[in-house]
N, C-alpha and C. Protein backbone atom coordinates (compact mmCIF):
# COMPACT_ATOMS: atom_id res chain seq x y z
N MET A 1 -18.40 -23.03 -1.23
CA MET A 1 -17.76 -22.05 0.47
C MET A 1 -16.75 -21.86 -0.55
N MET A 2 -15.88 -22.80 -0.89
CA MET A 2 -14.48 -22.30 -1.33
C MET A 2 -14.06 -21.41 -2.29
N ASP A 3 -15.26 -21.14 -2.94
CA ASP A 3 -15.25 -19.87 -4.03
C ASP A 3 -15.56 -18.46 -3.38
N ASP A 4 -16.31 -18.37 -2.30
CA ASP A 4 -16.51 -17.57 -1.46
C ASP A 4 -15.18 -17.11 -0.76
N THR A 5 -14.41 -18.16 -0.49
CA THR A 5 -13.13 -17.89 0.47
C THR A 5 -12.25 -17.16 -0.76
N LYS A 6 -12.18 -17.88 -1.96
CA LYS A 6 -11.23 -17.12 -3.01
C LYS A 6 -11.68 -15.85 -3.19
N GLN A 7 -12.70 -15.76 -3.31
CA GLN A 7 -13.13 -14.12 -3.84
C GLN A 7 -12.95 -13.38 -2.50
N PHE A 8 -12.99 -14.06 -1.14
CA PHE A 8 -12.66 -13.07 -0.08
C PHE A 8 -11.02 -12.59 -0.29
N ILE A 9 -10.38 -13.74 -0.61
CA ILE A 9 -8.75 -13.45 -0.45
C ILE A 9 -8.71 -12.37 -1.80
N ASP A 10 -9.06 -12.69 -2.77
CA ASP A 10 -9.06 -11.91 -3.74
C ASP A 10 -9.42 -10.54 -3.52
N LYS A 11 -10.31 -10.12 -3.26
CA LYS A 11 -10.89 -8.81 -2.46
C LYS A 11 -9.60 -8.20 -1.79
N LEU A 12 -9.50 -9.24 -0.70
CA LEU A 12 -8.29 -8.62 0.14
C LEU A 12 -6.90 -8.21 -0.48
N HIS A 13 -6.12 -8.87 -1.34
CA HIS A 13 -5.28 -8.80 -1.79
C HIS A 13 -5.49 -7.49 -2.78
N ASP A 14 -6.36 -7.33 -3.51
CA ASP A 14 -6.42 -5.82 -4.26
C ASP A 14 -6.88 -5.10 -3.26
N LYS A 15 -7.13 -5.06 -2.17
CA LYS A 15 -7.02 -3.67 -1.26
C LYS A 15 -5.97 -3.34 -0.67
N GLN A 16 -4.84 -4.68 -0.27
CA GLN A 16 -3.63 -4.54 -0.13
C GLN A 16 -3.10 -3.64 -1.16
N GLN A 17 -2.85 -4.01 -2.53
CA GLN A 17 -2.64 -3.62 -3.55
C GLN A 17 -2.54 -2.02 -3.66
N LYS A 18 -3.75 -1.67 -3.43
CA LYS A 18 -4.63 -0.54 -3.37
C LYS A 18 -3.62 0.44 -2.33
N ASP A 19 -4.02 -0.27 -1.33
CA ASP A 19 -2.94 0.42 0.14
C ASP A 19 -1.73 0.71 -0.40
N GLU A 20 -0.76 -0.30 -0.65
CA GLU A 20 0.54 -0.19 -1.03
C GLU A 20 0.90 0.85 -1.88
N GLN A 21 -0.24 0.86 -3.09
CA GLN A 21 0.29 1.99 -3.92
C GLN A 21 -0.02 3.56 -3.60
N ASN A 22 -0.76 3.28 -2.60
CA ASN A 22 -1.27 5.07 -2.01
C ASN A 22 -0.17 5.33 -1.19
N ARG A 23 0.29 4.32 -0.35
CA ARG A 23 1.73 4.51 0.44
C ARG A 23 2.57 5.07 -0.29
N GLN A 24 2.80 4.16 -1.17
CA GLN A 24 4.06 5.06 -2.32
C GLN A 24 4.05 6.24 -2.55
N ARG A 25 2.90 6.45 -3.27
CA ARG A 25 2.20 7.97 -3.64
C ARG A 25 2.72 8.70 -2.61
N GLN A 26 1.94 8.63 -1.60
CA GLN A 26 2.35 9.38 -0.27
C GLN A 26 3.54 9.70 0.05
N GLY A 27 4.39 8.82 -0.06
CA GLY A 27 6.04 8.28 0.10
C GLY A 27 6.59 9.61 -0.84
N LYS A 28 6.25 9.76 -2.19
CA LYS A 28 6.57 10.72 -3.03
C LYS A 28 6.44 11.66 -2.67
N GLY A 29 5.13 12.13 -2.58
CA GLY A 29 5.10 13.41 -1.89
C GLY A 29 5.66 13.98 -0.98
N HIS A 30 6.23 13.17 0.28
CA HIS A 30 6.70 13.70 1.34
C HIS A 30 8.17 12.77 1.33
N PRO A 31 8.94 13.17 0.38
CA PRO A 31 10.34 12.30 0.22
C PRO A 31 11.22 12.70 1.60
N GLU A 32 10.94 13.83 2.49
CA GLU A 32 11.59 14.23 3.59
C GLU A 32 11.63 12.79 4.72
N LYS A 33 10.22 12.12 4.64
CA LYS A 33 9.89 11.11 5.71
C LYS A 33 10.87 9.84 5.26
N LYS A 34 11.20 9.76 4.12
CA LYS A 34 12.02 8.61 3.43
C LYS A 34 13.53 8.81 3.73
N LEU A 35 14.06 10.12 3.69
CA LEU A 35 15.01 10.56 3.83
C LEU A 35 15.62 11.53 5.06
N PRO A 36 15.48 10.95 6.28
CA PRO A 36 15.58 12.13 7.32
C PRO A 36 17.02 12.97 7.27
N ASN A 37 17.93 12.35 6.69
CA ASN A 37 19.40 12.86 6.30
C ASN A 37 19.24 14.25 5.73
N LYS A 38 18.19 14.24 4.87
CA LYS A 38 18.28 15.52 4.30
C LYS A 38 17.77 16.72 4.60
N GLN A 39 17.17 16.82 6.09
CA GLN A 39 17.05 17.69 6.82
C GLN A 39 18.00 18.52 7.68
N HIS A 40 19.03 17.53 7.72
CA HIS A 40 20.23 18.42 8.23
C HIS A 40 21.25 19.26 7.63
């Protein structure tokens, strides 16, 4: 049972890491969202 829990946590962390990388990539694609003062 402990092994299953560790596997689950590993998968969860892997997914979170991928989500974070995707978010950073999208942020680079839309810099105006990160720098609102650039619109003025």
